[in-house]
Amino acid sequence: YGLCDCNNFYASCERVFNPSLVGRPVVVLSNNDGCVIARSNEAKALG
């Protein structure tokens, strides 16, 4: 069996169409910009 997992998916989707975000911390917020639901590795490193 295999498991394919998209890395930091929501953040990766945003980077696809904005290459300047590569290497920069990225976070994606929940509905109504409430809380963090996705983080790039750089954002995770910030705690």
ModelCIF file with pLDDT and N, C-alpha, C, O atoms, coordinates in Angstrom:
data_MODEL
#
_entry.id   MODEL 
#
_entity.id                         1 
_entity.type                       polymer 
_entity.pdbx_number_of_molecules   1 
#
_entity_poly.entity_id                      1 
_entity_poly.type                           'polypeptide(L)' 
_entity_poly.nstd_linkage                   no 
_entity_poly.nstd_monomer                   no 
_entity_poly.pdbx_seq_one_letter_code       YGLCDCNNFYASCERVFNPSLVGRPVVVLSNNDGCVIARSNEAKALG 
_entity_poly.pdbx_seq_one_letter_code_can   YGLCDCNNFYASCERVFNPSLVGRPVVVLSNNDGCVIARSNEAKALG 
_entity_poly.pdbx_strand_id                 A 
#
loop_
_entity_poly_seq.entity_id 
_entity_poly_seq.num 
_entity_poly_seq.mon_id 
_entity_poly_seq.hetero 
1 1  TYR n 
1 2  GLY n 
1 3  LEU n 
1 4  CYS n 
1 5  ASP n 
1 6  CYS n 
1 7  ASN n 
1 8  ASN n 
1 9  PHE n 
1 10 TYR n 
1 11 ALA n 
1 12 SER n 
1 13 CYS n 
1 14 GLU n 
1 15 ARG n 
1 16 VAL n 
1 17 PHE n 
1 18 ASN n 
1 19 PRO n 
1 20 SER n 
1 21 LEU n 
1 22 VAL n 
1 23 GLY n 
1 24 ARG n 
1 25 PRO n 
1 26 VAL n 
1 27 VAL n 
1 28 VAL n 
1 29 LEU n 
1 30 SER n 
1 31 ASN n 
1 32 ASN n 
1 33 ASP n 
1 34 GLY n 
1 35 CYS n 
1 36 VAL n 
1 37 ILE n 
1 38 ALA n 
1 39 ARG n 
1 40 SER n 
1 41 ASN n 
1 42 GLU n 
1 43 ALA n 
1 44 LYS n 
1 45 ALA n 
1 46 LEU n 
1 47 GLY n 
#
_struct_asym.id          A 
_struct_asym.entity_id   1 
#
loop_
_ma_qa_metric.id 
_ma_qa_metric.mode 
_ma_qa_metric.name 
_ma_qa_metric.software_group_id 
_ma_qa_metric.type 
1 global pLDDT . pLDDT 
2 local  pLDDT . pLDDT 
#
_ma_qa_metric_global.metric_id      1 
_ma_qa_metric_global.metric_value   93.43 
_ma_qa_metric_global.model_id       1 
_ma_qa_metric_global.ordinal_id     1 
#
loop_
_ma_qa_metric_local.label_asym_id 
_ma_qa_metric_local.label_comp_id 
_ma_qa_metric_local.label_seq_id 
_ma_qa_metric_local.metric_id 
_ma_qa_metric_local.metric_value 
_ma_qa_metric_local.model_id 
_ma_qa_metric_local.ordinal_id 
A TYR 1  2 95.00 1 1  
A GLY 2  2 96.00 1 2  
A LEU 3  2 97.00 1 3  
A CYS 4  2 97.00 1 4  
A ASP 5  2 97.00 1 5  
A CYS 6  2 97.00 1 6  
A ASN 7  2 96.00 1 7  
A ASN 8  2 95.00 1 8  
A PHE 9  2 96.00 1 9  
A TYR 10 2 95.00 1 10 
A ALA 11 2 95.00 1 11 
A SER 12 2 96.00 1 12 
A CYS 13 2 95.00 1 13 
A GLU 14 2 95.00 1 14 
A ARG 15 2 95.00 1 15 
A VAL 16 2 94.00 1 16 
A PHE 17 2 91.00 1 17 
A ASN 18 2 92.00 1 18 
A PRO 19 2 89.00 1 19 
A SER 20 2 93.00 1 20 
A LEU 21 2 94.00 1 21 
A VAL 22 2 93.00 1 22 
A GLY 23 2 93.00 1 23 
A ARG 24 2 96.00 1 24 
A PRO 25 2 97.00 1 25 
A VAL 26 2 97.00 1 26 
A VAL 27 2 96.00 1 27 
A VAL 28 2 95.00 1 28 
A LEU 29 2 93.00 1 29 
A SER 30 2 86.00 1 30 
A ASN 31 2 78.00 1 31 
A ASN 32 2 78.00 1 32 
A ASP 33 2 85.00 1 33 
A GLY 34 2 83.00 1 34 
A CYS 35 2 89.00 1 35 
A VAL 36 2 94.00 1 36 
A ILE 37 2 93.00 1 37 
A ALA 38 2 94.00 1 38 
A ARG 39 2 96.00 1 39 
A SER 40 2 96.00 1 40 
A ASN 41 2 95.00 1 41 
A GLU 42 2 96.00 1 42 
A ALA 43 2 96.00 1 43 
A LYS 44 2 96.00 1 44 
A ALA 45 2 95.00 1 45 
A LEU 46 2 96.00 1 46 
A GLY 47 2 95.00 1 47 
#
loop_
_atom_site.group_PDB 
_atom_site.id 
_atom_site.type_symbol 
_atom_site.label_atom_id 
_atom_site.label_alt_id 
_atom_site.label_comp_id 
_atom_site.label_asym_id 
_atom_site.label_entity_id 
_atom_site.label_seq_id 
_atom_site.pdbx_PDB_ins_code 
_atom_site.Cartn_x 
_atom_site.Cartn_y 
_atom_site.Cartn_z 
_atom_site.occupancy 
_atom_site.B_iso_or_equiv 
_atom_site.pdbx_formal_charge 
_atom_site.auth_seq_id 
_atom_site.auth_comp_id 
_atom_site.auth_asym_id 
_atom_site.auth_atom_id 
_atom_site.pdbx_PDB_model_num 
ATOM 1   N N  . TYR A 1 1  ? 0.838   -1.191 0.000  1.00 95.00 ? 1  TYR A N  1 
ATOM 2   C CA . TYR A 1 1  ? 0.000   0.000  0.000  1.00 95.00 ? 1  TYR A CA 1 
ATOM 3   C C  . TYR A 1 1  ? 0.876   1.244  0.000  1.00 95.00 ? 1  TYR A C  1 
ATOM 4   O O  . TYR A 1 1  ? 2.006   1.232  0.487  1.00 95.00 ? 1  TYR A O  1 
ATOM 5   N N  . GLY A 1 2  ? 0.331   2.305  -0.552 1.00 96.00 ? 2  GLY A N  1 
ATOM 6   C CA . GLY A 1 2  ? 1.033   3.581  -0.525 1.00 96.00 ? 2  GLY A CA 1 
ATOM 7   C C  . GLY A 1 2  ? 0.145   4.648  0.085  1.00 96.00 ? 2  GLY A C  1 
ATOM 8   O O  . GLY A 1 2  ? -1.082  4.541  0.068  1.00 96.00 ? 2  GLY A O  1 
ATOM 9   N N  . LEU A 1 3  ? 0.781   5.682  0.625  1.00 97.00 ? 3  LEU A N  1 
ATOM 10  C CA . LEU A 1 3  ? 0.050   6.843  1.125  1.00 97.00 ? 3  LEU A CA 1 
ATOM 11  C C  . LEU A 1 3  ? 0.727   8.082  0.569  1.00 97.00 ? 3  LEU A C  1 
ATOM 12  O O  . LEU A 1 3  ? 1.883   8.361  0.884  1.00 97.00 ? 3  LEU A O  1 
ATOM 13  N N  . CYS A 1 4  ? 0.012   8.815  -0.250 1.00 97.00 ? 4  CYS A N  1 
ATOM 14  C CA . CYS A 1 4  ? 0.517   10.066 -0.804 1.00 97.00 ? 4  CYS A CA 1 
ATOM 15  C C  . CYS A 1 4  ? -0.051  11.222 0.004  1.00 97.00 ? 4  CYS A C  1 
ATOM 16  O O  . CYS A 1 4  ? -1.267  11.405 0.067  1.00 97.00 ? 4  CYS A O  1 
ATOM 17  N N  . ASP A 1 5  ? 0.818   11.994 0.614  1.00 97.00 ? 5  ASP A N  1 
ATOM 18  C CA . ASP A 1 5  ? 0.426   13.117 1.470  1.00 97.00 ? 5  ASP A CA 1 
ATOM 19  C C  . ASP A 1 5  ? 1.015   14.400 0.892  1.00 97.00 ? 5  ASP A C  1 
ATOM 20  O O  . ASP A 1 5  ? 2.231   14.510 0.730  1.00 97.00 ? 5  ASP A O  1 
ATOM 21  N N  . CYS A 1 6  ? 0.157   15.368 0.581  1.00 97.00 ? 6  CYS A N  1 
ATOM 22  C CA . CYS A 1 6  ? 0.620   16.660 0.080  1.00 97.00 ? 6  CYS A CA 1 
ATOM 23  C C  . CYS A 1 6  ? 1.210   17.473 1.230  1.00 97.00 ? 6  CYS A C  1 
ATOM 24  O O  . CYS A 1 6  ? 0.537   17.708 2.234  1.00 97.00 ? 6  CYS A O  1 
ATOM 25  N N  . ASN A 1 7  ? 2.442   17.895 1.091  1.00 96.00 ? 7  ASN A N  1 
ATOM 26  C CA . ASN A 1 7  ? 3.156   18.575 2.171  1.00 96.00 ? 7  ASN A CA 1 
ATOM 27  C C  . ASN A 1 7  ? 2.587   19.978 2.413  1.00 96.00 ? 7  ASN A C  1 
ATOM 28  O O  . ASN A 1 7  ? 2.514   20.796 1.495  1.00 96.00 ? 7  ASN A O  1 
ATOM 29  N N  . ASN A 1 8  ? 2.182   20.243 3.666  1.00 95.00 ? 8  ASN A N  1 
ATOM 30  C CA . ASN A 1 8  ? 1.678   21.573 4.039  1.00 95.00 ? 8  ASN A CA 1 
ATOM 31  C C  . ASN A 1 8  ? 0.727   22.096 2.953  1.00 95.00 ? 8  ASN A C  1 
ATOM 32  O O  . ASN A 1 8  ? 0.929   23.181 2.408  1.00 95.00 ? 8  ASN A O  1 
ATOM 33  N N  . PHE A 1 9  ? -0.300  21.315 2.654  1.00 96.00 ? 9  PHE A N  1 
ATOM 34  C CA . PHE A 1 9  ? -1.052  21.462 1.415  1.00 96.00 ? 9  PHE A CA 1 
ATOM 35  C C  . PHE A 1 9  ? -1.573  22.872 1.157  1.00 96.00 ? 9  PHE A C  1 
ATOM 36  O O  . PHE A 1 9  ? -1.298  23.439 0.099  1.00 96.00 ? 9  PHE A O  1 
ATOM 37  N N  . TYR A 1 10 ? -2.313  23.447 2.088  1.00 95.00 ? 10 TYR A N  1 
ATOM 38  C CA . TYR A 1 10 ? -2.897  24.770 1.845  1.00 95.00 ? 10 TYR A CA 1 
ATOM 39  C C  . TYR A 1 10 ? -1.810  25.813 1.582  1.00 95.00 ? 10 TYR A C  1 
ATOM 40  O O  . TYR A 1 10 ? -1.931  26.633 0.672  1.00 95.00 ? 10 TYR A O  1 
ATOM 41  N N  . ALA A 1 11 ? -0.750  25.773 2.388  1.00 95.00 ? 11 ALA A N  1 
ATOM 42  C CA . ALA A 1 11 ? 0.355   26.713 2.197  1.00 95.00 ? 11 ALA A CA 1 
ATOM 43  C C  . ALA A 1 11 ? 1.046   26.471 0.861  1.00 95.00 ? 11 ALA A C  1 
ATOM 44  O O  . ALA A 1 11 ? 1.443   27.421 0.187  1.00 95.00 ? 11 ALA A O  1 
ATOM 45  N N  . SER A 1 12 ? 1.193   25.204 0.472  1.00 96.00 ? 12 SER A N  1 
ATOM 46  C CA . SER A 1 12 ? 1.820   24.869 -0.806 1.00 96.00 ? 12 SER A CA 1 
ATOM 47  C C  . SER A 1 12 ? 0.985   25.372 -1.982 1.00 96.00 ? 12 SER A C  1 
ATOM 48  O O  . SER A 1 12 ? 1.538   25.829 -2.982 1.00 96.00 ? 12 SER A O  1 
ATOM 49  N N  . CYS A 1 13 ? -0.346  25.290 -1.869 1.00 95.00 ? 13 CYS A N  1 
ATOM 50  C CA . CYS A 1 13 ? -1.226  25.799 -2.927 1.00 95.00 ? 13 CYS A CA 1 
ATOM 51  C C  . CYS A 1 13 ? -1.006  27.297 -3.137 1.00 95.00 ? 13 CYS A C  1 
ATOM 52  O O  . CYS A 1 13 ? -0.975  27.768 -4.274 1.00 95.00 ? 13 CYS A O  1 
ATOM 53  N N  . GLU A 1 14 ? -0.854  28.036 -2.056 1.00 95.00 ? 14 GLU A N  1 
ATOM 54  C CA . GLU A 1 14 ? -0.620  29.478 -2.169 1.00 95.00 ? 14 GLU A CA 1 
ATOM 55  C C  . GLU A 1 14 ? 0.736   29.762 -2.815 1.00 95.00 ? 14 GLU A C  1 
ATOM 56  O O  . GLU A 1 14 ? 0.880   30.730 -3.561 1.00 95.00 ? 14 GLU A O  1 
ATOM 57  N N  . ARG A 1 15 ? 1.712   28.931 -2.534 1.00 95.00 ? 15 ARG A N  1 
ATOM 58  C CA . ARG A 1 15 ? 3.046   29.135 -3.100 1.00 95.00 ? 15 ARG A CA 1 
ATOM 59  C C  . ARG A 1 15 ? 3.102   28.844 -4.598 1.00 95.00 ? 15 ARG A C  1 
ATOM 60  O O  . ARG A 1 15 ? 3.901   29.439 -5.320 1.00 95.00 ? 15 ARG A O  1 
ATOM 61  N N  . VAL A 1 16 ? 2.256   27.931 -5.061 1.00 94.00 ? 16 VAL A N  1 
ATOM 62  C CA . VAL A 1 16 ? 2.272   27.565 -6.480 1.00 94.00 ? 16 VAL A CA 1 
ATOM 63  C C  . VAL A 1 16 ? 2.095   28.795 -7.357 1.00 94.00 ? 16 VAL A C  1 
ATOM 64  O O  . VAL A 1 16 ? 2.755   28.923 -8.388 1.00 94.00 ? 16 VAL A O  1 
ATOM 65  N N  . PHE A 1 17 ? 1.215   29.694 -6.957 1.00 91.00 ? 17 PHE A N  1 
ATOM 66  C CA . PHE A 1 17 ? 0.881   30.853 -7.768 1.00 91.00 ? 17 PHE A CA 1 
ATOM 67  C C  . PHE A 1 17 ? 1.590   32.130 -7.316 1.00 91.00 ? 17 PHE A C  1 
ATOM 68  O O  . PHE A 1 17 ? 1.321   33.214 -7.833 1.00 91.00 ? 17 PHE A O  1 
ATOM 69  N N  . ASN A 1 18 ? 2.497   31.992 -6.350 1.00 92.00 ? 18 ASN A N  1 
ATOM 70  C CA . ASN A 1 18 ? 3.291   33.118 -5.881 1.00 92.00 ? 18 ASN A CA 1 
ATOM 71  C C  . ASN A 1 18 ? 4.668   32.600 -5.468 1.00 92.00 ? 18 ASN A C  1 
ATOM 72  O O  . ASN A 1 18 ? 4.926   32.418 -4.279 1.00 92.00 ? 18 ASN A O  1 
ATOM 73  N N  . PRO A 1 19 ? 5.546   32.363 -6.430 1.00 89.00 ? 19 PRO A N  1 
ATOM 74  C CA . PRO A 1 19 ? 6.859   31.771 -6.141 1.00 89.00 ? 19 PRO A CA 1 
ATOM 75  C C  . PRO A 1 19 ? 7.706   32.572 -5.162 1.00 89.00 ? 19 PRO A C  1 
ATOM 76  O O  . PRO A 1 19 ? 8.629   32.024 -4.560 1.00 89.00 ? 19 PRO A O  1 
ATOM 77  N N  . SER A 1 20 ? 7.409   33.862 -4.990 1.00 93.00 ? 20 SER A N  1 
ATOM 78  C CA . SER A 1 20 ? 8.176   34.678 -4.051 1.00 93.00 ? 20 SER A CA 1 
ATOM 79  C C  . SER A 1 20 ? 7.987   34.205 -2.611 1.00 93.00 ? 20 SER A C  1 
ATOM 80  O O  . SER A 1 20 ? 8.748   34.594 -1.725 1.00 93.00 ? 20 SER A O  1 
ATOM 81  N N  . LEU A 1 21 ? 6.982   33.375 -2.375 1.00 94.00 ? 21 LEU A N  1 
ATOM 82  C CA . LEU A 1 21 ? 6.720   32.867 -1.031 1.00 94.00 ? 21 LEU A CA 1 
ATOM 83  C C  . LEU A 1 21 ? 7.633   31.702 -0.651 1.00 94.00 ? 21 LEU A C  1 
ATOM 84  O O  . LEU A 1 21 ? 7.691   31.324 0.519  1.00 94.00 ? 21 LEU A O  1 
ATOM 85  N N  . VAL A 1 22 ? 8.342   31.130 -1.618 1.00 93.00 ? 22 VAL A N  1 
ATOM 86  C CA . VAL A 1 22 ? 9.241   30.014 -1.336 1.00 93.00 ? 22 VAL A CA 1 
ATOM 87  C C  . VAL A 1 22 ? 10.334  30.467 -0.370 1.00 93.00 ? 22 VAL A C  1 
ATOM 88  O O  . VAL A 1 22 ? 11.022  31.456 -0.623 1.00 93.00 ? 22 VAL A O  1 
ATOM 89  N N  . GLY A 1 23 ? 10.489  29.741 0.736  1.00 93.00 ? 23 GLY A N  1 
ATOM 90  C CA . GLY A 1 23 ? 11.465  30.101 1.754  1.00 93.00 ? 23 GLY A CA 1 
ATOM 91  C C  . GLY A 1 23 ? 10.952  31.072 2.796  1.00 93.00 ? 23 GLY A C  1 
ATOM 92  O O  . GLY A 1 23 ? 11.622  31.321 3.799  1.00 93.00 ? 23 GLY A O  1 
ATOM 93  N N  . ARG A 1 24 ? 9.774   31.622 2.569  1.00 96.00 ? 24 ARG A N  1 
ATOM 94  C CA . ARG A 1 24 ? 9.176   32.586 3.494  1.00 96.00 ? 24 ARG A CA 1 
ATOM 95  C C  . ARG A 1 24 ? 8.113   31.879 4.337  1.00 96.00 ? 24 ARG A C  1 
ATOM 96  O O  . ARG A 1 24 ? 7.404   31.018 3.816  1.00 96.00 ? 24 ARG A O  1 
ATOM 97  N N  . PRO A 1 25 ? 7.983   32.218 5.627  1.00 97.00 ? 25 PRO A N  1 
ATOM 98  C CA . PRO A 1 25 ? 6.941   31.603 6.450  1.00 97.00 ? 25 PRO A CA 1 
ATOM 99  C C  . PRO A 1 25 ? 5.553   31.917 5.903  1.00 97.00 ? 25 PRO A C  1 
ATOM 100 O O  . PRO A 1 25 ? 5.264   33.060 5.550  1.00 97.00 ? 25 PRO A O  1 
ATOM 101 N N  . VAL A 1 26 ? 4.698   30.905 5.833  1.00 97.00 ? 26 VAL A N  1 
ATOM 102 C CA . VAL A 1 26 ? 3.341   31.058 5.309  1.00 97.00 ? 26 VAL A CA 1 
ATOM 103 C C  . VAL A 1 26 ? 2.365   30.394 6.279  1.00 97.00 ? 26 VAL A C  1 
ATOM 104 O O  . VAL A 1 26 ? 2.609   29.282 6.748  1.00 97.00 ? 26 VAL A O  1 
ATOM 105 N N  . VAL A 1 27 ? 1.257   31.079 6.578  1.00 96.00 ? 27 VAL A N  1 
ATOM 106 C CA . VAL A 1 27 ? 0.186   30.471 7.361  1.00 96.00 ? 27 VAL A CA 1 
ATOM 107 C C  . VAL A 1 27 ? -1.142  30.702 6.641  1.00 96.00 ? 27 VAL A C  1 
ATOM 108 O O  . VAL A 1 27 ? -1.329  31.710 5.959  1.00 96.00 ? 27 VAL A O  1 
ATOM 109 N N  . VAL A 1 28 ? -2.046  29.761 6.803  1.00 95.00 ? 28 VAL A N  1 
ATOM 110 C CA . VAL A 1 28 ? -3.403  29.866 6.270  1.00 95.00 ? 28 VAL A CA 1 
ATOM 111 C C  . VAL A 1 28 ? -4.363  29.822 7.446  1.00 95.00 ? 28 VAL A C  1 
ATOM 112 O O  . VAL A 1 28 ? -4.206  29.018 8.366  1.00 95.00 ? 28 VAL A O  1 
ATOM 113 N N  . LEU A 1 29 ? -5.362  30.702 7.402  1.00 93.00 ? 29 LEU A N  1 
ATOM 114 C CA . LEU A 1 29 ? -6.289  30.856 8.516  1.00 93.00 ? 29 LEU A CA 1 
ATOM 115 C C  . LEU A 1 29 ? -7.618  30.162 8.255  1.00 93.00 ? 29 LEU A C  1 
ATOM 116 O O  . LEU A 1 29 ? -7.983  29.909 7.107  1.00 93.00 ? 29 LEU A O  1 
ATOM 117 N N  . SER A 1 30 ? -8.326  29.862 9.314  1.00 86.00 ? 30 SER A N  1 
ATOM 118 C CA . SER A 1 30 ? -9.633  29.235 9.231  1.00 86.00 ? 30 SER A CA 1 
ATOM 119 C C  . SER A 1 30 ? -10.684 30.229 8.762  1.00 86.00 ? 30 SER A C  1 
ATOM 120 O O  . SER A 1 30 ? -10.372 31.387 8.482  1.00 86.00 ? 30 SER A O  1 
ATOM 121 N N  . ASN A 1 31 ? -11.931 29.774 8.677  1.00 78.00 ? 31 ASN A N  1 
ATOM 122 C CA . ASN A 1 31 ? -13.026 30.666 8.302  1.00 78.00 ? 31 ASN A CA 1 
ATOM 123 C C  . ASN A 1 31 ? -13.052 31.894 9.203  1.00 78.00 ? 31 ASN A C  1 
ATOM 124 O O  . ASN A 1 31 ? -12.825 31.815 10.410 1.00 78.00 ? 31 ASN A O  1 
ATOM 125 N N  . ASN A 1 32 ? -13.338 33.038 8.571  1.00 78.00 ? 32 ASN A N  1 
ATOM 126 C CA . ASN A 1 32 ? -13.374 34.318 9.281  1.00 78.00 ? 32 ASN A CA 1 
ATOM 127 C C  . ASN A 1 32 ? -12.024 34.699 9.880  1.00 78.00 ? 32 ASN A C  1 
ATOM 128 O O  . ASN A 1 32 ? -11.955 35.472 10.835 1.00 78.00 ? 32 ASN A O  1 
ATOM 129 N N  . ASP A 1 33 ? -10.940 34.143 9.304  1.00 85.00 ? 33 ASP A N  1 
ATOM 130 C CA . ASP A 1 33 ? -9.577  34.474 9.740  1.00 85.00 ? 33 ASP A CA 1 
ATOM 131 C C  . ASP A 1 33 ? -9.412  34.276 11.242 1.00 85.00 ? 33 ASP A C  1 
ATOM 132 O O  . ASP A 1 33 ? -8.815  35.101 11.933 1.00 85.00 ? 33 ASP A O  1 
ATOM 133 N N  . GLY A 1 34 ? -9.954  33.168 11.727 1.00 83.00 ? 34 GLY A N  1 
ATOM 134 C CA . GLY A 1 34 ? -9.943  32.946 13.169 1.00 83.00 ? 34 GLY A CA 1 
ATOM 135 C C  . GLY A 1 34 ? -8.633  32.405 13.721 1.00 83.00 ? 34 GLY A C  1 
ATOM 136 O O  . GLY A 1 34 ? -8.014  33.029 14.582 1.00 83.00 ? 34 GLY A O  1 
ATOM 137 N N  . CYS A 1 35 ? -8.205  31.231 13.220 1.00 89.00 ? 35 CYS A N  1 
ATOM 138 C CA . CYS A 1 35 ? -7.007  30.598 13.753 1.00 89.00 ? 35 CYS A CA 1 
ATOM 139 C C  . CYS A 1 35 ? -6.234  29.897 12.646 1.00 89.00 ? 35 CYS A C  1 
ATOM 140 O O  . CYS A 1 35 ? -6.732  29.751 11.530 1.00 89.00 ? 35 CYS A O  1 
ATOM 141 N N  . VAL A 1 36 ? -5.026  29.466 12.953 1.00 94.00 ? 36 VAL A N  1 
ATOM 142 C CA . VAL A 1 36 ? -4.132  28.852 11.983 1.00 94.00 ? 36 VAL A CA 1 
ATOM 143 C C  . VAL A 1 36 ? -4.562  27.417 11.705 1.00 94.00 ? 36 VAL A C  1 
ATOM 144 O O  . VAL A 1 36 ? -4.742  26.622 12.628 1.00 94.00 ? 36 VAL A O  1 
ATOM 145 N N  . ILE A 1 37 ? -4.727  27.091 10.408 1.00 93.00 ? 37 ILE A N  1 
ATOM 146 C CA . ILE A 1 37 ? -5.074  25.712 10.039 1.00 93.00 ? 37 ILE A CA 1 
ATOM 147 C C  . ILE A 1 37 ? -4.023  25.085 9.124  1.00 93.00 ? 37 ILE A C  1 
ATOM 148 O O  . ILE A 1 37 ? -4.114  23.899 8.806  1.00 93.00 ? 37 ILE A O  1 
ATOM 149 N N  . ALA A 1 38 ? -3.028  25.864 8.697  1.00 94.00 ? 38 ALA A N  1 
ATOM 150 C CA . ALA A 1 38 ? -1.948  25.315 7.878  1.00 94.00 ? 38 ALA A CA 1 
ATOM 151 C C  . ALA A 1 38 ? -0.713  26.196 8.029  1.00 94.00 ? 38 ALA A C  1 
ATOM 152 O O  . ALA A 1 38 ? -0.814  27.415 8.167  1.00 94.00 ? 38 ALA A O  1 
ATOM 153 N N  . ARG A 1 39 ? 0.468   25.547 8.001  1.00 96.00 ? 39 ARG A N  1 
ATOM 154 C CA . ARG A 1 39 ? 1.730   26.272 8.174  1.00 96.00 ? 39 ARG A CA 1 
ATOM 155 C C  . ARG A 1 39 ? 2.793   25.704 7.256  1.00 96.00 ? 39 ARG A C  1 
ATOM 156 O O  . ARG A 1 39 ? 2.855   24.492 7.045  1.00 96.00 ? 39 ARG A O  1 
ATOM 157 N N  . SER A 1 40 ? 3.617   26.560 6.718  1.00 96.00 ? 40 SER A N  1 
ATOM 158 C CA . SER A 1 40 ? 4.798   26.080 6.013  1.00 96.00 ? 40 SER A CA 1 
ATOM 159 C C  . SER A 1 40 ? 5.826   25.647 7.055  1.00 96.00 ? 40 SER A C  1 
ATOM 160 O O  . SER A 1 40 ? 5.680   25.939 8.241  1.00 96.00 ? 40 SER A O  1 
ATOM 161 N N  . ASN A 1 41 ? 6.869   24.946 6.601  1.00 95.00 ? 41 ASN A N  1 
ATOM 162 C CA . ASN A 1 41 ? 7.917   24.511 7.529  1.00 95.00 ? 41 ASN A CA 1 
ATOM 163 C C  . ASN A 1 41 ? 8.573   25.699 8.233  1.00 95.00 ? 41 ASN A C  1 
ATOM 164 O O  . ASN A 1 41 ? 8.945   25.612 9.403  1.00 95.00 ? 41 ASN A O  1 
ATOM 165 N N  . GLU A 1 42 ? 8.710   26.806 7.506  1.00 96.00 ? 42 GLU A N  1 
ATOM 166 C CA . GLU A 1 42 ? 9.324   28.004 8.081  1.00 96.00 ? 42 GLU A CA 1 
ATOM 167 C C  . GLU A 1 42 ? 8.458   28.577 9.205  1.00 96.00 ? 42 GLU A C  1 
ATOM 168 O O  . GLU A 1 42 ? 8.976   29.061 10.212 1.00 96.00 ? 42 GLU A O  1 
ATOM 169 N N  . ALA A 1 43 ? 7.147   28.519 9.027  1.00 96.00 ? 43 ALA A N  1 
ATOM 170 C CA . ALA A 1 43 ? 6.238   28.995 10.067 1.00 96.00 ? 43 ALA A CA 1 
ATOM 171 C C  . ALA A 1 43 ? 6.271   28.077 11.287 1.00 96.00 ? 43 ALA A C  1 
ATOM 172 O O  . ALA A 1 43 ? 6.210   28.542 12.425 1.00 96.00 ? 43 ALA A O  1 
ATOM 173 N N  . LYS A 1 44 ? 6.366   26.771 11.039 1.00 96.00 ? 44 LYS A N  1 
ATOM 174 C CA . LYS A 1 44 ? 6.483   25.818 12.149 1.00 96.00 ? 44 LYS A CA 1 
ATOM 175 C C  . LYS A 1 44 ? 7.739   26.095 12.971 1.00 96.00 ? 44 LYS A C  1 
ATOM 176 O O  . LYS A 1 44 ? 7.726   25.996 14.198 1.00 96.00 ? 44 LYS A O  1 
ATOM 177 N N  . ALA A 1 45 ? 8.827   26.445 12.276 1.00 95.00 ? 45 ALA A N  1 
ATOM 178 C CA . ALA A 1 45 ? 10.094  26.721 12.952 1.00 95.00 ? 45 ALA A CA 1 
ATOM 179 C C  . ALA A 1 45 ? 10.002  27.946 13.864 1.00 95.00 ? 45 ALA A C  1 
ATOM 180 O O  . ALA A 1 45 ? 10.773  28.070 14.816 1.00 95.00 ? 45 ALA A O  1 
ATOM 181 N N  . LEU A 1 46 ? 9.072   28.840 13.579 1.00 96.00 ? 46 LEU A N  1 
ATOM 182 C CA . LEU A 1 46 ? 8.873   30.028 14.414 1.00 96.00 ? 46 LEU A CA 1 
ATOM 183 C C  . LEU A 1 46 ? 8.066   29.721 15.675 1.00 96.00 ? 46 LEU A C  1 
ATOM 184 O O  . LEU A 1 46 ? 7.898   30.580 16.540 1.00 96.00 ? 46 LEU A O  1 
ATOM 185 N N  . GLY A 1 47 ? 7.570   28.488 15.768 1.00 95.00 ? 47 GLY A N  1 
ATOM 186 C CA . GLY A 1 47 ? 6.782   28.108 16.936 1.00 95.00 ? 47 GLY A CA 1 
ATOM 187 C C  . GLY A 1 47 ? 5.288   28.296 16.761 1.00 95.00 ? 47 GLY A C  1 
ATOM 188 O O  . GLY A 1 47 ? 4.519   28.010 17.679 1.00 95.00 ? 47 GLY A O  1 
#
